[in-house]
Amino acid sequence: IALVMQLLASTIIRTLGWKWAAMLTPLSMFVFAIPFFVSVAADEDKISLAMALFIGTSQNVVNKVSKYSLFDPTKEMAYIPLGPNAKVKGKAAVEVLGARLGRGLGSLSQQLLIALMGGGSVMGCAVPIGVLYALAVGVWTRSVSVLAGAFEGRAVAPNSKNGLGRSGKN
């Protein structure tokens, strides 16, 4: 799956435009998270633990494939219209501060939910974690929309030296 998506990524980006290619990662993560959180929240007599594990593993595979084949390239494309100084500062802010802060806050919120609401069990707080997951995806898609507007506004004219024209699909 990963190899096929890597090969199709440039076609997907070219066909859908930057905004919708960047939206595919959070949207696919959300779509595959719904059955996972439903299966975890359901009683074990309705959905077996093995099935929940299979659904969660499938979701994780989809998440990784979409991250590496679409999210990473579109993230790098967002830096193209920036000047050299802004590009370095932007990458540092996103990759160092944003990624570490995001992972840290995600871990902290999960630990607090487990301790305060889950009674020491991840299963006990699956629903609140699912709600936080959905909120994070909502913020992510909103951020992509805002960034797409800025990206489209700063995209280079079609006749410029580097050939990065606006396709009008952002």
Protein backbone atom coordinates (compact mmCIF):
# COMPACT_ATOMS: atom_id res chain seq x y z
CA ILE A 1 0.00 0.00 0.00
CA ALA A 2 2.78 2.41 0.93
CA LEU A 3 4.67 1.86 -2.32
CA VAL A 4 1.56 2.41 -4.44
CA MET A 5 0.70 5.61 -2.54
CA GLN A 6 4.28 6.88 -2.88
CA LEU A 7 4.04 6.37 -6.63
CA LEU A 8 0.61 8.02 -6.85
CA ALA A 9 1.34 10.93 -4.49
CA SER A 10 2.50 13.41 -7.13
CA THR A 11 -0.51 12.58 -9.32
CA ILE A 12 -2.87 13.01 -6.35
CA ILE A 13 -1.30 16.37 -5.46
CA ARG A 14 -1.40 17.54 -9.08
CA THR A 15 -5.02 16.37 -9.57
CA LEU A 16 -6.55 17.52 -6.30
CA GLY A 17 -4.32 20.54 -5.67
CA TRP A 18 -2.36 21.29 -2.51
CA LYS A 19 -5.32 21.89 -0.19
CA TRP A 20 -7.21 18.67 -0.87
CA ALA A 21 -4.07 16.54 -1.01
CA ALA A 22 -3.12 17.97 2.40
CA MET A 23 -6.66 17.30 3.65
CA LEU A 24 -6.53 13.60 2.74
CA THR A 25 -4.31 12.71 5.70
CA PRO A 26 -6.49 14.08 8.51
CA LEU A 27 -9.70 13.03 6.75
CA SER A 28 -8.50 9.45 6.23
CA MET A 29 -7.28 9.34 9.82
CA PHE A 30 -10.70 10.47 11.01
CA VAL A 31 -12.65 8.07 8.78
CA PHE A 32 -10.59 5.08 9.95
CA ALA A 33 -10.66 6.24 13.59
CA ILE A 34 -14.46 6.07 13.78
CA PRO A 35 -14.69 2.26 13.50
CA PHE A 36 -11.69 1.89 15.80
CA PHE A 37 -13.13 3.98 18.63
CA VAL A 38 -16.57 2.42 18.16
CA SER A 39 -15.04 -1.06 18.40
CA VAL A 40 -13.03 -0.14 21.50
CA ALA A 41 -16.03 1.49 23.20
CA ALA A 42 -18.37 -1.42 22.36
CA ASP A 43 -18.79 -4.35 24.68
CA GLU A 44 -16.47 -7.26 23.96
CA ASP A 45 -19.46 -9.54 23.30
CA LYS A 46 -20.47 -7.26 20.38
CA ILE A 47 -17.04 -6.72 18.83
CA SER A 48 -14.19 -9.06 19.73
CA LEU A 49 -10.87 -7.78 20.97
CA ALA A 50 -9.24 -9.40 17.93
CA MET A 51 -11.51 -7.40 15.61
CA ALA A 52 -10.78 -4.16 17.49
CA LEU A 53 -7.07 -4.94 17.20
CA PHE A 54 -7.42 -5.57 13.46
CA ILE A 55 -9.32 -2.31 12.98
CA GLY A 56 -6.76 -0.39 15.02
CA THR A 57 -3.86 -1.94 13.10
CA SER A 58 -5.54 -1.09 9.79
CA GLN A 59 -6.06 2.48 10.98
CA ASN A 60 -2.42 2.74 11.98
CA VAL A 61 -1.29 1.50 8.55
CA VAL A 62 -3.54 4.01 6.78
CA ASN A 63 -2.27 6.79 9.09
CA LYS A 64 1.38 6.02 8.36
CA VAL A 65 0.88 5.59 4.62
CA SER A 66 -1.02 8.87 4.27
CA LYS A 67 1.47 10.70 6.49
CA TYR A 68 4.53 9.60 4.54
CA SER A 69 3.02 9.76 1.05
CA LEU A 70 0.84 12.90 1.28
CA PHE A 71 1.32 14.83 4.51
CA ASP A 72 5.12 15.07 4.37
CA PRO A 73 5.27 16.22 0.71
CA THR A 74 2.47 18.77 1.14
CA LYS A 75 4.11 20.05 4.32
CA GLU A 76 7.35 20.61 2.42
CA MET A 77 5.46 22.27 -0.44
CA ALA A 78 4.03 24.81 2.02
CA TYR A 79 7.55 26.19 2.53
CA ILE A 80 8.20 26.79 -1.19
CA PRO A 81 6.67 30.30 -1.46
CA LEU A 82 8.59 31.50 1.61
CA GLY A 83 11.87 33.35 1.45
CA PRO A 84 15.03 31.62 2.65
CA ASN A 85 14.95 33.17 6.14
CA ALA A 86 11.26 32.52 6.67
CA LYS A 87 11.69 28.98 5.35
CA VAL A 88 14.37 28.16 7.94
CA LYS A 89 12.42 29.75 10.79
CA GLY A 90 9.16 28.13 9.69
CA LYS A 91 10.69 24.67 9.46
CA ALA A 92 12.32 25.08 12.86
CA ALA A 93 9.05 26.20 14.42
CA VAL A 94 6.97 23.44 12.88
CA GLU A 95 9.38 20.53 13.08
CA VAL A 96 11.07 21.24 16.38
CA LEU A 97 8.55 23.15 18.44
CA GLY A 98 5.31 21.99 16.88
CA ALA A 99 6.08 18.30 16.64
CA ARG A 100 7.60 18.01 20.10
CA LEU A 101 4.96 20.16 21.73
CA GLY A 102 2.21 18.22 19.95
CA ARG A 103 3.58 14.85 21.02
CA GLY A 104 4.13 16.06 24.56
CA LEU A 105 0.66 17.53 24.94
CA GLY A 106 -0.92 14.45 23.36
CA SER A 107 0.91 12.18 25.77
CA LEU A 108 0.11 14.37 28.76
CA SER A 109 -3.59 14.60 27.90
CA GLN A 110 -3.80 10.83 27.43
CA GLN A 111 -2.06 10.17 30.75
CA LEU A 112 -4.32 12.62 32.56
CA LEU A 113 -7.43 11.07 31.02
CA ILE A 114 -6.30 7.58 32.02
CA ALA A 115 -5.52 8.69 35.56
CA LEU A 116 -8.58 10.90 36.12
CA MET A 117 -11.34 9.30 34.03
CA GLY A 118 -10.20 5.84 33.03
CA GLY A 119 -9.43 4.39 36.43
CA GLY A 120 -5.92 3.50 35.26
CA SER A 121 -7.15 1.85 32.07
CA VAL A 122 -6.91 3.11 28.51
CA MET A 123 -10.14 1.28 27.74
CA GLY A 124 -11.92 3.28 30.43
CA CYS A 125 -11.25 6.55 28.67
CA ALA A 126 -11.58 5.47 25.03
CA VAL A 127 -14.57 7.74 24.41
CA PRO A 128 -12.91 10.94 25.74
CA ILE A 129 -9.74 10.10 23.82
CA GLY A 130 -11.88 9.63 20.70
CA VAL A 131 -13.47 13.04 21.26
CA LEU A 132 -10.04 14.66 21.66
CA TYR A 133 -8.88 12.85 18.54
CA ALA A 134 -11.85 14.21 16.58
CA LEU A 135 -11.17 17.74 17.92
CA ALA A 136 -7.51 17.49 16.91
CA VAL A 137 -8.49 16.39 13.40
CA GLY A 138 -10.96 19.29 13.25
CA VAL A 139 -8.26 21.78 14.21
CA TRP A 140 -5.91 20.15 11.72
CA THR A 141 -8.37 20.43 8.81
CA ARG A 142 -9.12 24.04 9.73
CA SER A 143 -5.40 24.79 9.82
CA VAL A 144 -4.96 23.23 6.37
CA SER A 145 -7.76 25.45 5.03
CA VAL A 146 -6.19 28.58 6.50
CA LEU A 147 -2.74 27.59 5.27
CA ALA A 148 -4.14 26.82 1.82
CA GLY A 149 -5.47 30.37 1.61
CA ALA A 150 -2.08 31.77 2.56
CA PHE A 151 -0.29 29.30 0.29
CA GLU A 152 -2.53 30.20 -2.64
CA GLY A 153 -2.01 33.91 -1.99
CA ARG A 154 1.78 33.55 -1.92
CA ALA A 155 2.10 31.04 -4.77
CA VAL A 156 4.45 32.16 -7.50
CA ALA A 157 3.08 33.47 -10.77
CA PRO A 158 3.00 31.00 -13.71
CA ASN A 159 5.76 32.77 -15.65
CA SER A 160 8.21 33.00 -12.76
CA LYS A 161 11.73 31.52 -12.77
CA ASN A 162 10.97 28.46 -10.66
CA GLY A 163 7.83 27.50 -12.60
CA LEU A 164 5.58 27.11 -9.58
CA GLY A 165 2.34 28.37 -10.98
CA ARG A 166 -0.99 28.40 -9.23
CA SER A 167 -3.24 25.68 -10.51
CA GLY A 168 -6.35 27.22 -9.04
CA LYS A 169 -7.11 23.92 -7.27
CA ASN A 170 -5.94 24.99 -3.82
